[in-house]
Amino acid sequence: MCRTALAIALTFTTICLGPTCGLAQDDEIGRGKRWVRSHPFWISALTQNDKLYEVDEYRGAGLNTLLAWKPRLGLFEKSVAAKFPVHYHMHQGRGESTDDYVAHARMLIDKYPGITGLLFHDEPRVPEMQNVGAVCDALRKAFPDLLIYSNAMPKGAVRPAKKACINYFPIAWGG
């Protein structure tokens, strides 16, 4: 009898608390994790040549988002016309202050509403990270529905332009 009552009580508790525990966890996770969970398969490739970019070929390759490495208007125009999401690599030379970066992003986002993410400053070094964080915070505040992110320079990378995972994939430069 005691086991039966315990099993019933445990089942009742699980049924009642299960959904609320899940909701509490969703409320507690950060904005970035919520975005990733709602967009679980972001498959893209770096693209910078608008003359060679064809949305149908991109989709046909199984990609679902354009990673626009350069702000070439043709990349944005073709993607927006085809309702194809865009992540834009915003270079660190696009402004002097956080307001400049926000204004640059706002100009593009207003003109091309298909932009769903901004990568700011590819591989910043440690001394630059405080500024990168401040700019990313300002961009997140200005565009709360977009994914704003950066990626760190590997610590100890002396010559970043010469790092291509040579230790793992021995490929000669130039081919």
N, C-alpha and C. Protein backbone atom coordinates (compact mmCIF):
# COMPACT_ATOMS: atom_id res chain seq x y z
N MET A 1 0.82 -1.19 0.00
CA MET A 1 0.00 0.00 0.00
C MET A 1 0.87 1.25 0.00
N CYS A 2 1.91 1.23 0.82
CA CYS A 2 2.79 2.40 0.92
C CYS A 2 3.48 2.68 -0.42
N ARG A 3 3.90 1.61 -1.09
CA ARG A 3 4.54 1.78 -2.40
C ARG A 3 3.57 2.34 -3.43
N THR A 4 2.35 1.88 -3.40
CA THR A 4 1.33 2.36 -4.33
C THR A 4 1.07 3.84 -4.11
N ALA A 5 0.92 4.24 -2.86
CA ALA A 5 0.68 5.65 -2.54
C ALA A 5 1.87 6.51 -2.96
N LEU A 6 3.07 6.00 -2.71
CA LEU A 6 4.29 6.72 -3.09
C LEU A 6 4.38 6.86 -4.61
N ALA A 7 4.06 5.81 -5.33
CA ALA A 7 4.09 5.86 -6.79
C ALA A 7 3.07 6.85 -7.33
N ILE A 8 1.88 6.88 -6.75
CA ILE A 8 0.84 7.82 -7.18
C ILE A 8 1.28 9.25 -6.88
N ALA A 9 1.83 9.47 -5.69
CA ALA A 9 2.29 10.82 -5.31
C ALA A 9 3.43 11.28 -6.23
N LEU A 10 4.35 10.39 -6.53
CA LEU A 10 5.48 10.73 -7.40
C LEU A 10 5.00 11.03 -8.82
N THR A 11 4.07 10.25 -9.32
CA THR A 11 3.52 10.48 -10.65
C THR A 11 2.79 11.82 -10.70
N PHE A 12 1.97 12.10 -9.69
CA PHE A 12 1.23 13.36 -9.62
C PHE A 12 2.20 14.55 -9.57
N THR A 13 3.23 14.44 -8.74
CA THR A 13 4.22 15.52 -8.62
C THR A 13 4.94 15.74 -9.94
N THR A 14 5.33 14.68 -10.61
CA THR A 14 6.02 14.79 -11.89
C THR A 14 5.13 15.45 -12.94
N ILE A 15 3.87 15.06 -12.97
CA ILE A 15 2.94 15.65 -13.94
C ILE A 15 2.72 17.13 -13.65
N CYS A 16 2.59 17.48 -12.39
CA CYS A 16 2.33 18.88 -12.02
C CYS A 16 3.56 19.77 -12.16
N LEU A 17 4.71 19.29 -11.74
CA LEU A 17 5.91 20.12 -11.72
C LEU A 17 6.73 20.03 -13.00
N GLY A 18 6.58 18.97 -13.75
CA GLY A 18 7.37 18.80 -14.97
C GLY A 18 7.30 19.99 -15.91
N PRO A 19 6.10 20.41 -16.32
CA PRO A 19 6.01 21.55 -17.24
C PRO A 19 6.52 22.85 -16.63
N THR A 20 6.29 23.08 -15.34
CA THR A 20 6.75 24.33 -14.73
C THR A 20 8.26 24.36 -14.59
N CYS A 21 8.88 23.21 -14.36
CA CYS A 21 10.34 23.19 -14.28
C CYS A 21 10.93 23.53 -15.64
N GLY A 22 10.35 23.01 -16.70
CA GLY A 22 10.82 23.32 -18.05
C GLY A 22 10.67 24.80 -18.36
N LEU A 23 9.56 25.40 -17.96
CA LEU A 23 9.35 26.83 -18.20
C LEU A 23 10.35 27.67 -17.42
N ALA A 24 10.62 27.27 -16.20
CA ALA A 24 11.57 28.03 -15.38
C ALA A 24 12.94 27.99 -16.03
N GLN A 25 13.34 26.85 -16.58
CA GLN A 25 14.64 26.76 -17.22
C GLN A 25 14.70 27.65 -18.45
N ASP A 26 13.65 27.70 -19.25
CA ASP A 26 13.64 28.56 -20.43
C ASP A 26 13.77 30.02 -20.05
N ASP A 27 13.11 30.42 -18.95
CA ASP A 27 13.19 31.81 -18.51
C ASP A 27 14.57 32.15 -18.00
N GLU A 28 15.28 31.17 -17.45
CA GLU A 28 16.58 31.43 -16.84
C GLU A 28 17.72 31.44 -17.85
N ILE A 29 17.56 30.82 -18.99
CA ILE A 29 18.67 30.79 -19.95
C ILE A 29 18.83 32.15 -20.61
N GLY A 30 20.01 32.41 -21.09
CA GLY A 30 20.30 33.70 -21.70
C GLY A 30 19.70 33.85 -23.09
N ARG A 31 19.71 35.08 -23.58
CA ARG A 31 19.15 35.40 -24.88
C ARG A 31 19.85 34.64 -26.01
N GLY A 32 21.16 34.51 -25.92
CA GLY A 32 21.89 33.79 -26.96
C GLY A 32 21.48 32.34 -27.06
N LYS A 33 21.36 31.67 -25.92
CA LYS A 33 20.94 30.27 -25.93
C LYS A 33 19.51 30.12 -26.42
N ARG A 34 18.63 31.07 -26.04
CA ARG A 34 17.25 31.01 -26.55
C ARG A 34 17.25 31.16 -28.07
N TRP A 35 18.10 32.06 -28.61
CA TRP A 35 18.15 32.27 -30.05
C TRP A 35 18.63 30.99 -30.74
N VAL A 36 19.69 30.39 -30.21
CA VAL A 36 20.23 29.18 -30.82
C VAL A 36 19.20 28.06 -30.78
N ARG A 37 18.46 27.94 -29.69
CA ARG A 37 17.44 26.90 -29.59
C ARG A 37 16.29 27.13 -30.56
N SER A 38 15.99 28.38 -30.87
CA SER A 38 14.90 28.64 -31.81
C SER A 38 15.39 28.63 -33.26
N HIS A 39 16.70 28.65 -33.48
CA HIS A 39 17.31 28.58 -34.81
C HIS A 39 18.40 27.51 -34.77
N PRO A 40 18.03 26.24 -34.59
CA PRO A 40 19.03 25.23 -34.27
C PRO A 40 19.99 24.87 -35.40
N PHE A 41 19.64 25.13 -36.63
CA PHE A 41 20.50 24.73 -37.72
C PHE A 41 20.86 25.93 -38.58
N TRP A 42 21.87 26.65 -38.19
CA TRP A 42 22.38 27.78 -38.96
C TRP A 42 23.53 27.24 -39.78
N ILE A 43 23.29 26.99 -41.06
CA ILE A 43 24.29 26.40 -41.93
C ILE A 43 24.61 27.41 -43.01
N SER A 44 25.87 27.83 -43.06
CA SER A 44 26.23 28.91 -43.96
C SER A 44 27.65 28.72 -44.47
N ALA A 45 28.04 29.63 -45.33
CA ALA A 45 29.42 29.69 -45.81
C ALA A 45 29.75 31.15 -46.08
N LEU A 46 30.98 31.51 -45.83
CA LEU A 46 31.44 32.87 -46.05
C LEU A 46 31.31 33.21 -47.53
N THR A 47 30.68 34.33 -47.83
CA THR A 47 30.48 34.77 -49.20
C THR A 47 30.80 36.25 -49.28
N GLN A 48 31.58 36.63 -50.31
CA GLN A 48 31.91 38.04 -50.44
C GLN A 48 31.81 38.55 -51.87
N ASN A 49 31.55 37.70 -52.83
CA ASN A 49 31.48 38.12 -54.22
C ASN A 49 30.02 38.11 -54.67
N ASP A 50 29.43 39.29 -54.79
CA ASP A 50 28.01 39.36 -55.14
C ASP A 50 27.74 38.93 -56.58
N LYS A 51 28.73 39.02 -57.45
CA LYS A 51 28.51 38.60 -58.85
C LYS A 51 28.41 37.09 -58.97
N LEU A 52 29.09 36.36 -58.10
CA LEU A 52 29.05 34.90 -58.16
C LEU A 52 27.96 34.29 -57.27
N TYR A 53 27.41 35.09 -56.38
CA TYR A 53 26.43 34.59 -55.41
C TYR A 53 25.07 34.39 -56.06
N GLU A 54 24.56 33.16 -55.97
CA GLU A 54 23.22 32.81 -56.45
C GLU A 54 22.49 32.11 -55.30
N VAL A 55 21.38 32.68 -54.89
CA VAL A 55 20.63 32.15 -53.74
C VAL A 55 20.21 30.70 -53.98
N ASP A 56 19.74 30.38 -55.18
CA ASP A 56 19.28 29.01 -55.45
C ASP A 56 20.42 28.00 -55.32
N GLU A 57 21.61 28.36 -55.76
CA GLU A 57 22.76 27.47 -55.61
C GLU A 57 23.12 27.31 -54.13
N TYR A 58 23.05 28.38 -53.41
CA TYR A 58 23.34 28.37 -51.98
C TYR A 58 22.36 27.45 -51.26
N ARG A 59 21.07 27.62 -51.56
CA ARG A 59 20.04 26.75 -50.95
C ARG A 59 20.24 25.31 -51.40
N GLY A 60 20.54 25.13 -52.67
CA GLY A 60 20.73 23.79 -53.21
C GLY A 60 21.88 23.05 -52.55
N ALA A 61 22.83 23.79 -52.02
CA ALA A 61 23.96 23.17 -51.31
C ALA A 61 23.60 22.84 -49.86
N GLY A 62 22.36 23.13 -49.46
CA GLY A 62 21.91 22.82 -48.11
C GLY A 62 22.16 23.94 -47.11
N LEU A 63 22.54 25.10 -47.60
CA LEU A 63 22.79 26.24 -46.71
C LEU A 63 21.49 26.98 -46.48
N ASN A 64 21.34 27.57 -45.28
CA ASN A 64 20.08 28.26 -44.98
C ASN A 64 20.26 29.71 -44.54
N THR A 65 21.48 30.22 -44.57
CA THR A 65 21.75 31.60 -44.18
C THR A 65 22.99 32.07 -44.94
N LEU A 66 22.96 33.29 -45.41
CA LEU A 66 24.13 33.88 -46.06
C LEU A 66 25.02 34.51 -45.00
N LEU A 67 26.30 34.21 -45.01
CA LEU A 67 27.27 34.93 -44.19
C LEU A 67 27.98 35.92 -45.11
N ALA A 68 27.48 37.15 -45.12
CA ALA A 68 28.01 38.20 -46.00
C ALA A 68 29.27 38.77 -45.37
N TRP A 69 30.42 38.40 -45.93
CA TRP A 69 31.69 38.82 -45.35
C TRP A 69 32.03 40.26 -45.68
N LYS A 70 31.56 40.73 -46.79
CA LYS A 70 31.76 42.12 -47.20
C LYS A 70 30.38 42.74 -47.41
N PRO A 71 30.25 44.04 -47.15
CA PRO A 71 28.93 44.68 -47.32
C PRO A 71 28.64 45.02 -48.77
N ARG A 72 28.67 44.01 -49.62
CA ARG A 72 28.36 44.23 -51.03
C ARG A 72 26.84 44.22 -51.18
N LEU A 73 26.32 45.29 -51.73
CA LEU A 73 24.87 45.46 -51.77
C LEU A 73 24.18 44.34 -52.55
N GLY A 74 24.84 43.81 -53.58
CA GLY A 74 24.25 42.71 -54.34
C GLY A 74 23.96 41.49 -53.49
N LEU A 75 24.82 41.22 -52.51
CA LEU A 75 24.58 40.09 -51.60
C LEU A 75 23.29 40.29 -50.82
N PHE A 76 23.12 41.50 -50.29
CA PHE A 76 21.92 41.80 -49.51
C PHE A 76 20.67 41.82 -50.40
N GLU A 77 20.78 42.45 -51.56
CA GLU A 77 19.62 42.57 -52.46
C GLU A 77 19.11 41.20 -52.89
N LYS A 78 20.02 40.33 -53.33
CA LYS A 78 19.61 38.99 -53.78
C LYS A 78 18.99 38.19 -52.64
N SER A 79 19.58 38.28 -51.46
CA SER A 79 19.07 37.51 -50.32
C SER A 79 17.70 37.99 -49.87
N VAL A 80 17.54 39.31 -49.75
CA VAL A 80 16.26 39.86 -49.31
C VAL A 80 15.17 39.54 -50.32
N ALA A 81 15.48 39.65 -51.61
CA ALA A 81 14.49 39.35 -52.65
C ALA A 81 14.02 37.90 -52.56
N ALA A 82 14.92 36.99 -52.17
CA ALA A 82 14.58 35.57 -52.08
C ALA A 82 14.17 35.15 -50.67
N LYS A 83 14.03 36.13 -49.76
CA LYS A 83 13.67 35.85 -48.36
C LYS A 83 14.66 34.86 -47.73
N PHE A 84 15.93 35.11 -47.97
CA PHE A 84 17.02 34.26 -47.47
C PHE A 84 17.74 35.02 -46.36
N PRO A 85 17.77 34.49 -45.14
CA PRO A 85 18.38 35.21 -44.01
C PRO A 85 19.85 35.54 -44.24
N VAL A 86 20.29 36.65 -43.64
CA VAL A 86 21.66 37.12 -43.79
C VAL A 86 22.29 37.36 -42.42
N HIS A 87 23.51 36.87 -42.25
CA HIS A 87 24.37 37.29 -41.15
C HIS A 87 25.47 38.12 -41.79
N TYR A 88 25.69 39.30 -41.26
CA TYR A 88 26.64 40.24 -41.84
C TYR A 88 27.88 40.35 -40.96
N HIS A 89 29.04 40.19 -41.58
CA HIS A 89 30.31 40.38 -40.87
C HIS A 89 30.64 41.86 -40.87
N MET A 90 30.39 42.51 -39.74
CA MET A 90 30.65 43.94 -39.62
C MET A 90 32.11 44.13 -39.21
N HIS A 91 32.89 44.67 -40.12
CA HIS A 91 34.32 44.87 -39.87
C HIS A 91 34.54 45.97 -38.83
N GLN A 92 35.62 45.85 -38.09
CA GLN A 92 35.91 46.81 -37.03
C GLN A 92 36.26 48.19 -37.57
N GLY A 93 36.53 48.34 -38.85
CA GLY A 93 36.84 49.64 -39.42
C GLY A 93 35.61 50.44 -39.83
N ARG A 94 34.42 50.02 -39.41
CA ARG A 94 33.18 50.68 -39.81
C ARG A 94 32.77 51.81 -38.89
N GLY A 95 33.59 52.14 -37.91
CA GLY A 95 33.22 53.22 -37.01
C GLY A 95 34.30 53.52 -36.00
N GLU A 96 34.17 54.65 -35.36
CA GLU A 96 35.10 55.06 -34.31
C GLU A 96 34.48 54.85 -32.93
N SER A 97 33.17 54.91 -32.86
CA SER A 97 32.48 54.77 -31.57
C SER A 97 31.39 53.73 -31.69
N THR A 98 30.84 53.32 -30.55
CA THR A 98 29.74 52.36 -30.60
C THR A 98 28.55 52.92 -31.37
N ASP A 99 28.33 54.23 -31.25
CA ASP A 99 27.23 54.86 -31.99
C ASP A 99 27.43 54.75 -33.50
N ASP A 100 28.68 54.86 -33.96
CA ASP A 100 28.97 54.71 -35.39
C ASP A 100 28.62 53.31 -35.87
N TYR A 101 28.98 52.30 -35.07
CA TYR A 101 28.69 50.92 -35.46
C TYR A 101 27.18 50.66 -35.48
N VAL A 102 26.49 51.17 -34.49
CA VAL A 102 25.03 51.01 -34.44
C VAL A 102 24.39 51.70 -35.63
N ALA A 103 24.86 52.90 -35.97
CA ALA A 103 24.30 53.64 -37.11
C ALA A 103 24.54 52.88 -38.42
N HIS A 104 25.74 52.33 -38.58
CA HIS A 104 26.06 51.55 -39.79
C HIS A 104 25.14 50.33 -39.89
N ALA A 105 24.99 49.61 -38.78
CA ALA A 105 24.12 48.43 -38.78
C ALA A 105 22.67 48.83 -39.04
N ARG A 106 22.22 49.91 -38.41
CA ARG A 106 20.83 50.34 -38.59
C ARG A 106 20.55 50.68 -40.06
N MET A 107 21.50 51.34 -40.71
CA MET A 107 21.32 51.70 -42.12
C MET A 107 21.11 50.44 -42.97
N LEU A 108 21.93 49.42 -42.74
CA LEU A 108 21.80 48.18 -43.51
C LEU A 108 20.53 47.41 -43.14
N ILE A 109 20.24 47.32 -41.86
CA ILE A 109 19.07 46.55 -41.40
C ILE A 109 17.77 47.19 -41.86
N ASP A 110 17.71 48.52 -41.84
CA ASP A 110 16.51 49.21 -42.33
C ASP A 110 16.31 49.00 -43.82
N LYS A 111 17.41 48.99 -44.56
CA LYS A 111 17.31 48.83 -46.02
C LYS A 111 17.14 47.37 -46.42
N TYR A 112 17.74 46.46 -45.65
CA TYR A 112 17.71 45.02 -45.97
C TYR A 112 17.20 44.25 -44.74
N PRO A 113 15.89 44.11 -44.59
CA PRO A 113 15.31 43.51 -43.38
C PRO A 113 15.59 42.02 -43.21
N GLY A 114 16.26 41.39 -44.15
CA GLY A 114 16.58 39.96 -44.00
C GLY A 114 17.78 39.69 -43.13
N ILE A 115 18.43 40.73 -42.61
CA ILE A 115 19.59 40.53 -41.75
C ILE A 115 19.10 40.01 -40.39
N THR A 116 19.58 38.83 -40.01
CA THR A 116 19.16 38.23 -38.75
C THR A 116 20.30 38.10 -37.75
N GLY A 117 21.53 38.42 -38.18
CA GLY A 117 22.66 38.31 -37.27
C GLY A 117 23.81 39.19 -37.71
N LEU A 118 24.63 39.60 -36.73
CA LEU A 118 25.81 40.41 -36.99
C LEU A 118 27.01 39.78 -36.30
N LEU A 119 28.03 39.48 -37.09
CA LEU A 119 29.32 39.05 -36.55
C LEU A 119 30.18 40.30 -36.50
N PHE A 120 30.58 40.73 -35.30
CA PHE A 120 31.39 41.93 -35.18
C PHE A 120 32.83 41.55 -34.88
N HIS A 121 33.74 42.03 -35.68
CA HIS A 121 35.20 41.93 -35.49
C HIS A 121 35.64 40.47 -35.46
N ASP A 122 36.06 39.97 -36.59
CA ASP A 122 36.54 38.61 -36.71
C ASP A 122 37.87 38.45 -35.97
N GLU A 123 37.91 37.54 -35.04
CA GLU A 123 39.10 37.16 -34.28
C GLU A 123 39.83 38.32 -33.62
N PRO A 124 39.16 39.04 -32.71
CA PRO A 124 39.87 40.10 -31.99
C PRO A 124 40.91 39.51 -31.04
N ARG A 125 41.98 40.25 -30.84
CA ARG A 125 43.00 39.84 -29.88
C ARG A 125 42.59 40.31 -28.49
N VAL A 126 43.27 39.81 -27.49
CA VAL A 126 42.90 40.10 -26.10
C VAL A 126 42.79 41.60 -25.83
N PRO A 127 43.75 42.45 -26.24
CA PRO A 127 43.61 43.88 -25.93
C PRO A 127 42.38 44.54 -26.56
N GLU A 128 41.83 43.96 -27.62
CA GLU A 128 40.67 44.54 -28.32
C GLU A 128 39.34 44.07 -27.75
N MET A 129 39.37 43.05 -26.92
CA MET A 129 38.13 42.40 -26.51
C MET A 129 37.21 43.29 -25.68
N GLN A 130 37.75 44.19 -24.89
CA GLN A 130 36.89 45.08 -24.10
C GLN A 130 36.06 45.96 -25.03
N ASN A 131 36.69 46.52 -26.06
CA ASN A 131 35.97 47.35 -27.02
C ASN A 131 34.97 46.51 -27.82
N VAL A 132 35.38 45.31 -28.22
CA VAL A 132 34.47 44.42 -28.95
C VAL A 132 33.24 44.12 -28.10
N GLY A 133 33.44 43.85 -26.82
CA GLY A 133 32.32 43.59 -25.92
C GLY A 133 31.38 44.78 -25.81
N ALA A 134 31.96 45.98 -25.73
CA ALA A 134 31.13 47.19 -25.62
C ALA A 134 30.31 47.40 -26.89
N VAL A 135 30.93 47.19 -28.05
CA VAL A 135 30.20 47.36 -29.31
C VAL A 135 29.11 46.29 -29.43
N CYS A 136 29.42 45.05 -29.09
CA CYS A 136 28.41 43.98 -29.15
C CYS A 136 27.25 44.27 -28.20
N ASP A 137 27.55 44.79 -27.01
CA ASP A 137 26.48 45.15 -26.07
C ASP A 137 25.59 46.24 -26.66
N ALA A 138 26.20 47.26 -27.29
CA ALA A 138 25.42 48.35 -27.89
C ALA A 138 24.56 47.82 -29.04
N LEU A 139 25.12 46.91 -29.84
CA LEU A 139 24.36 46.33 -30.95
C LEU A 139 23.21 45.47 -30.43
N ARG A 140 23.45 44.70 -29.37
CA ARG A 140 22.37 43.88 -28.78
C ARG A 140 21.25 44.75 -28.24
N LYS A 141 21.62 45.86 -27.63
CA LYS A 141 20.61 46.78 -27.09
C LYS A 141 19.80 47.41 -28.23
N ALA A 142 20.48 47.79 -29.31
CA ALA A 142 19.80 48.44 -30.43
C ALA A 142 18.97 47.45 -31.25
N PHE A 143 19.42 46.20 -31.33
CA PHE A 143 18.77 45.19 -32.17
C PHE A 143 18.53 43.91 -31.35
N PRO A 144 17.58 43.93 -30.43
CA PRO A 144 17.40 42.79 -29.52
C PRO A 144 16.95 41.50 -30.21
N ASP A 145 16.41 41.57 -31.41
CA ASP A 145 15.94 40.36 -32.09
C ASP A 145 17.02 39.71 -32.96
N LEU A 146 18.16 40.37 -33.10
CA LEU A 146 19.24 39.83 -33.92
C LEU A 146 20.24 39.08 -33.05
N LEU A 147 20.92 38.12 -33.65
CA LEU A 147 22.02 37.45 -32.98
C LEU A 147 23.27 38.29 -33.22
N ILE A 148 23.88 38.78 -32.14
CA ILE A 148 25.09 39.59 -32.22
C ILE A 148 26.20 38.76 -31.61
N TYR A 149 27.30 38.59 -32.33
CA TYR A 149 28.36 37.72 -31.82
C TYR A 149 29.71 38.12 -32.37
N SER A 150 30.75 37.56 -31.77
CA SER A 150 32.13 37.73 -32.24
C SER A 150 32.81 36.39 -32.03
N ASN A 151 34.03 36.28 -32.49
CA ASN A 151 34.80 35.06 -32.25
C ASN A 151 36.22 35.46 -31.88
N ALA A 152 36.79 34.78 -30.91
CA ALA A 152 38.08 35.18 -30.36
C ALA A 152 39.24 34.67 -31.19
N MET A 153 40.31 35.47 -31.22
CA MET A 153 41.57 35.04 -31.82
C MET A 153 42.17 33.99 -30.89
N PRO A 154 42.62 32.87 -31.44
CA PRO A 154 43.23 31.86 -30.57
C PRO A 154 44.42 32.45 -29.81
N LYS A 155 44.42 32.28 -28.51
CA LYS A 155 45.51 32.82 -27.69
C LYS A 155 46.83 32.21 -28.15
N GLY A 156 47.81 33.05 -28.33
CA GLY A 156 49.12 32.58 -28.76
C GLY A 156 49.32 32.61 -30.26
N ALA A 157 48.29 32.95 -31.02
CA ALA A 157 48.44 33.03 -32.47
C ALA A 157 49.24 34.28 -32.80
N VAL A 158 50.50 34.11 -33.15
CA VAL A 158 51.39 35.23 -33.40
C VAL A 158 51.09 35.88 -34.74
N ARG A 159 50.90 35.07 -35.75
CA ARG A 159 50.62 35.56 -37.09
C ARG A 159 49.27 35.02 -37.53
N PRO A 160 48.18 35.72 -37.18
CA PRO A 160 46.85 35.16 -37.43
C PRO A 160 46.57 34.85 -38.89
N ALA A 161 47.15 35.59 -39.81
CA ALA A 161 46.88 35.33 -41.23
C ALA A 161 47.50 34.02 -41.69
N LYS A 162 48.43 33.50 -40.91
CA LYS A 162 49.11 32.26 -41.29
C LYS A 162 48.56 31.05 -40.55
N LYS A 163 47.51 31.23 -39.76
CA LYS A 163 46.93 30.11 -39.01
C LYS A 163 45.77 29.52 -39.81
N ALA A 164 45.92 28.28 -40.19
CA ALA A 164 44.84 27.60 -40.92
C ALA A 164 44.76 26.15 -40.48
N CYS A 165 44.92 25.92 -39.19
CA CYS A 165 44.86 24.56 -38.65
C CYS A 165 45.89 23.65 -39.32
N ILE A 166 47.07 24.20 -39.61
CA ILE A 166 48.10 23.44 -40.30
C ILE A 166 48.49 22.20 -39.49
N ASN A 167 48.44 22.30 -38.17
CA ASN A 167 48.78 21.15 -37.35
C ASN A 167 47.80 20.00 -37.56
N TYR A 168 46.56 20.33 -37.92
CA TYR A 168 45.54 19.30 -38.10
C TYR A 168 45.32 18.93 -39.56
N PHE A 169 45.44 19.92 -40.44
CA PHE A 169 45.19 19.70 -41.86
C PHE A 169 46.39 20.25 -42.64
N PRO A 170 47.40 19.46 -42.90
CA PRO A 170 48.60 19.98 -43.56
C PRO A 170 48.35 20.31 -45.03
N ILE A 171 47.96 21.55 -45.26
CA ILE A 171 47.67 22.03 -46.61
C ILE A 171 48.70 23.11 -46.94
N ALA A 172 49.30 23.02 -48.08
CA ALA A 172 50.26 24.05 -48.49
C ALA A 172 49.53 25.33 -48.82
N TRP A 173 50.13 26.48 -48.47
CA TRP A 173 49.52 27.77 -48.78
C TRP A 173 49.44 27.94 -50.28
N GLY A 174 48.32 28.41 -50.72
CA GLY A 174 48.11 28.66 -52.15
C GLY A 174 47.50 27.47 -52.87
N GLY A 175 47.17 26.40 -52.16
CA GLY A 175 46.57 25.29 -52.87
C GLY A 175 46.27 24.15 -52.07
